[in-house]
Amino acid sequence: MASARWLLLIADIGGYTDYMRSHRMSLAHAEVNTARLLEKV
């Protein structure tokens, strides 16, 4: 039986609220970065 290697990546966005608060001045930038992260997952 052949074996295969797999990679499991779990993105932690638990700090999302704090991230959004700390980037209040650049809310659009923060939203874009978060969307990019979620698209990659």
PDB file of N, CA and C in Angstrom:
ATOM      1  N   MET A   1       0.845  -1.170   0.000  1.00  0.00           N
ATOM      2  CA  MET A   1       0.000   0.000   0.000  1.00  0.00           C
ATOM      3  C   MET A   1       0.898   1.244   0.000  1.00  0.00           C
ATOM      4  N   ALA A   2       0.640   2.142  -0.912  1.00  0.00           N
ATOM      5  CA  ALA A   2       1.422   3.370  -0.996  1.00  0.00           C
ATOM      6  C   ALA A   2       0.943   4.367   0.052  1.00  0.00           C
ATOM      7  N   SER A   3       1.890   5.072   0.615  1.00  0.00           N
ATOM      8  CA  SER A   3       1.512   6.102   1.586  1.00  0.00           C
ATOM      9  C   SER A   3       1.697   7.476   0.957  1.00  0.00           C
ATOM     10  N   ALA A   4       0.955   8.423   1.439  1.00  0.00           N
ATOM     11  CA  ALA A   4       1.032   9.791   0.922  1.00  0.00           C
ATOM     12  C   ALA A   4       1.200  10.753   2.089  1.00  0.00           C
ATOM     13  N   ARG A   5       1.902  11.820   1.840  1.00  0.00           N
ATOM     14  CA  ARG A   5       2.080  12.848   2.864  1.00  0.00           C
ATOM     15  C   ARG A   5       1.049  13.946   2.635  1.00  0.00           C
ATOM     16  N   TRP A   6       0.481  14.412   3.717  1.00  0.00           N
ATOM     17  CA  TRP A   6      -0.516  15.472   3.661  1.00  0.00           C
ATOM     18  C   TRP A   6      -0.123  16.564   4.640  1.00  0.00           C
ATOM     19  N   LEU A   7      -0.547  17.760   4.352  1.00  0.00           N
ATOM     20  CA  LEU A   7      -0.316  18.895   5.238  1.00  0.00           C
ATOM     21  C   LEU A   7      -1.668  19.458   5.636  1.00  0.00           C
ATOM     22  N   LEU A   8      -1.894  19.575   6.920  1.00  0.00           N
ATOM     23  CA  LEU A   8      -3.131  20.156   7.434  1.00  0.00           C
ATOM     24  C   LEU A   8      -2.783  21.494   8.062  1.00  0.00           C
ATOM     25  N   LEU A   9      -3.361  22.549   7.545  1.00  0.00           N
ATOM     26  CA  LEU A   9      -3.111  23.892   8.052  1.00  0.00           C
ATOM     27  C   LEU A   9      -4.393  24.434   8.649  1.00  0.00           C
ATOM     28  N   ILE A  10      -4.327  24.856   9.888  1.00  0.00           N
ATOM     29  CA  ILE A  10      -5.488  25.439  10.551  1.00  0.00           C
ATOM     30  C   ILE A  10      -5.151  26.894  10.867  1.00  0.00           C
ATOM     31  N   ALA A  11      -5.837  27.805  10.204  1.00  0.00           N
ATOM     32  CA  ALA A  11      -5.596  29.230  10.425  1.00  0.00           C
ATOM     33  C   ALA A  11      -6.343  29.686  11.673  1.00  0.00           C
ATOM     34  N   ASP A  12      -5.623  30.354  12.555  1.00  0.00           N
ATOM     35  CA  ASP A  12      -6.218  30.850  13.792  1.00  0.00           C
ATOM     36  C   ASP A  12      -6.552  32.326  13.621  1.00  0.00           C
ATOM     37  N   ILE A  13      -7.840  32.641  13.547  1.00  0.00           N
ATOM     38  CA  ILE A  13      -8.253  34.042  13.478  1.00  0.00           C
ATOM     39  C   ILE A  13      -8.955  34.421  14.769  1.00  0.00           C
ATOM     40  N   GLY A  14      -8.518  33.805  15.861  1.00  0.00           N
ATOM     41  CA  GLY A  14      -9.099  34.071  17.170  1.00  0.00           C
ATOM     42  C   GLY A  14      -8.890  35.507  17.626  1.00  0.00           C
ATOM     43  N   GLY A  15      -7.850  36.150  17.156  1.00  0.00           N
ATOM     44  CA  GLY A  15      -7.577  37.530  17.532  1.00  0.00           C
ATOM     45  C   GLY A  15      -8.170  38.532  16.562  1.00  0.00           C
ATOM     46  N   TYR A  16      -9.176  38.116  15.816  1.00  0.00           N
ATOM     47  CA  TYR A  16      -9.770  38.964  14.775  1.00  0.00           C
ATOM     48  C   TYR A  16     -10.290  40.283  15.334  1.00  0.00           C
ATOM     49  N   THR A  17     -11.018  40.239  16.452  1.00  0.00           N
ATOM     50  CA  THR A  17     -11.601  41.459  17.021  1.00  0.00           C
ATOM     51  C   THR A  17     -10.511  42.429  17.451  1.00  0.00           C
ATOM     52  N   ASP A  18      -9.497  41.938  18.139  1.00  0.00           N
ATOM     53  CA  ASP A  18      -8.388  42.803  18.552  1.00  0.00           C
ATOM     54  C   ASP A  18      -7.659  43.368  17.342  1.00  0.00           C
ATOM     55  N   TYR A  19      -7.494  42.537  16.321  1.00  0.00           N
ATOM     56  CA  TYR A  19      -6.839  42.985  15.094  1.00  0.00           C
ATOM     57  C   TYR A  19      -7.616  44.134  14.462  1.00  0.00           C
ATOM     58  N   MET A  20      -8.934  43.990  14.392  1.00  0.00           N
ATOM     59  CA  MET A  20      -9.758  45.036  13.790  1.00  0.00           C
ATOM     60  C   MET A  20      -9.711  46.314  14.629  1.00  0.00           C
ATOM     61  N   ARG A  21      -9.705  46.176  15.943  1.00  0.00           N
ATOM     62  CA  ARG A  21      -9.624  47.361  16.813  1.00  0.00           C
ATOM     63  C   ARG A  21      -8.292  48.082  16.652  1.00  0.00           C
ATOM     64  N   SER A  22      -7.217  47.329  16.595  1.00  0.00           N
ATOM     65  CA  SER A  22      -5.891  47.947  16.507  1.00  0.00           C
ATOM     66  C   SER A  22      -5.644  48.577  15.140  1.00  0.00           C
ATOM     67  N   HIS A  23      -6.411  48.182  14.146  1.00  0.00           N
ATOM     68  CA  HIS A  23      -6.266  48.741  12.800  1.00  0.00           C
ATOM     69  C   HIS A  23      -7.475  49.598  12.427  1.00  0.00           C
ATOM     70  N   ARG A  24      -8.046  50.235  13.419  1.00  0.00           N
ATOM     71  CA  ARG A  24      -9.246  51.038  13.197  1.00  0.00           C
ATOM     72  C   ARG A  24      -9.011  52.126  12.151  1.00  0.00           C
ATOM     73  N   MET A  25      -7.825  52.714  12.150  1.00  0.00           N
ATOM     74  CA  MET A  25      -7.542  53.787  11.207  1.00  0.00           C
ATOM     75  C   MET A  25      -7.471  53.269   9.769  1.00  0.00           C
ATOM     76  N   SER A  26      -7.120  52.022   9.617  1.00  0.00           N
ATOM     77  CA  SER A  26      -7.037  51.447   8.271  1.00  0.00           C
ATOM     78  C   SER A  26      -7.945  50.225   8.184  1.00  0.00           C
ATOM     79  N   LEU A  27      -9.210  50.438   8.461  1.00  0.00           N
ATOM     80  CA  LEU A  27     -10.186  49.350   8.489  1.00  0.00           C
ATOM     81  C   LEU A  27     -10.250  48.612   7.155  1.00  0.00           C
ATOM     82  N   ALA A  28     -10.239  49.350   6.055  1.00  0.00           N
ATOM     83  CA  ALA A  28     -10.309  48.709   4.736  1.00  0.00           C
ATOM     84  C   ALA A  28      -9.101  47.799   4.520  1.00  0.00           C
ATOM     85  N   HIS A  29      -7.935  48.253   4.945  1.00  0.00           N
ATOM     86  CA  HIS A  29      -6.718  47.450   4.804  1.00  0.00           C
ATOM     87  C   HIS A  29      -6.821  46.174   5.634  1.00  0.00           C
ATOM     88  N   ALA A  30      -7.323  46.291   6.847  1.00  0.00           N
ATOM     89  CA  ALA A  30      -7.477  45.121   7.715  1.00  0.00           C
ATOM     90  C   ALA A  30      -8.471  44.130   7.119  1.00  0.00           C
ATOM     91  N   GLU A  31      -9.561  44.629   6.560  1.00  0.00           N
ATOM     92  CA  GLU A  31     -10.565  43.749   5.955  1.00  0.00           C
ATOM     93  C   GLU A  31      -9.995  43.018   4.747  1.00  0.00           C
ATOM     94  N   VAL A  32      -9.207  43.723   3.951  1.00  0.00           N
ATOM     95  CA  VAL A  32      -8.593  43.104   2.771  1.00  0.00           C
ATOM     96  C   VAL A  32      -7.644  41.991   3.197  1.00  0.00           C
ATOM     97  N   ASN A  33      -6.816  42.254   4.208  1.00  0.00           N
ATOM     98  CA  ASN A  33      -5.868  41.231   4.669  1.00  0.00           C
ATOM     99  C   ASN A  33      -6.584  40.023   5.234  1.00  0.00           C
ATOM    100  N   THR A  34      -7.648  40.238   5.979  1.00  0.00           N
ATOM    101  CA  THR A  34      -8.405  39.124   6.543  1.00  0.00           C
ATOM    102  C   THR A  34      -9.069  38.320   5.434  1.00  0.00           C
ATOM    103  N   ALA A  35      -9.622  38.996   4.444  1.00  0.00           N
ATOM    104  CA  ALA A  35     -10.248  38.303   3.314  1.00  0.00           C
ATOM    105  C   ALA A  35      -9.222  37.471   2.556  1.00  0.00           C
ATOM    106  N   ARG A  36      -8.025  38.011   2.365  1.00  0.00           N
ATOM    107  CA  ARG A  36      -6.965  37.261   1.677  1.00  0.00           C
ATOM    108  C   ARG A  36      -6.606  35.997   2.442  1.00  0.00           C
ATOM    109  N   LEU A  37      -6.507  36.125   3.761  1.00  0.00           N
ATOM    110  CA  LEU A  37      -6.188  34.957   4.582  1.00  0.00           C
ATOM    111  C   LEU A  37      -7.257  33.884   4.434  1.00  0.00           C
ATOM    112  N   LEU A  38      -8.516  34.288   4.512  1.00  0.00           N
ATOM    113  CA  LEU A  38      -9.607  33.323   4.427  1.00  0.00           C
ATOM    114  C   LEU A  38      -9.713  32.695   3.041  1.00  0.00           C
ATOM    115  N   GLU A  39      -9.377  33.445   1.994  1.00  0.00           N
ATOM    116  CA  GLU A  39      -9.400  32.888   0.638  1.00  0.00           C
ATOM    117  C   GLU A  39      -8.347  31.799   0.466  1.00  0.00           C
ATOM    118  N   LYS A  40      -7.218  31.957   1.124  1.00  0.00           N
ATOM    119  CA  LYS A  40      -6.122  30.994   0.988  1.00  0.00           C
ATOM    120  C   LYS A  40      -6.404  29.699   1.728  1.00  0.00           C
ATOM    121  N   VAL A  41      -7.272  29.763   2.709  1.00  0.00           N
ATOM    122  CA  VAL A  41      -7.530  28.571   3.529  1.00  0.00           C
ATOM    123  C   VAL A  41      -8.515  27.692   2.883  1.00  0.00           C
TER     124      VAL A  41
END
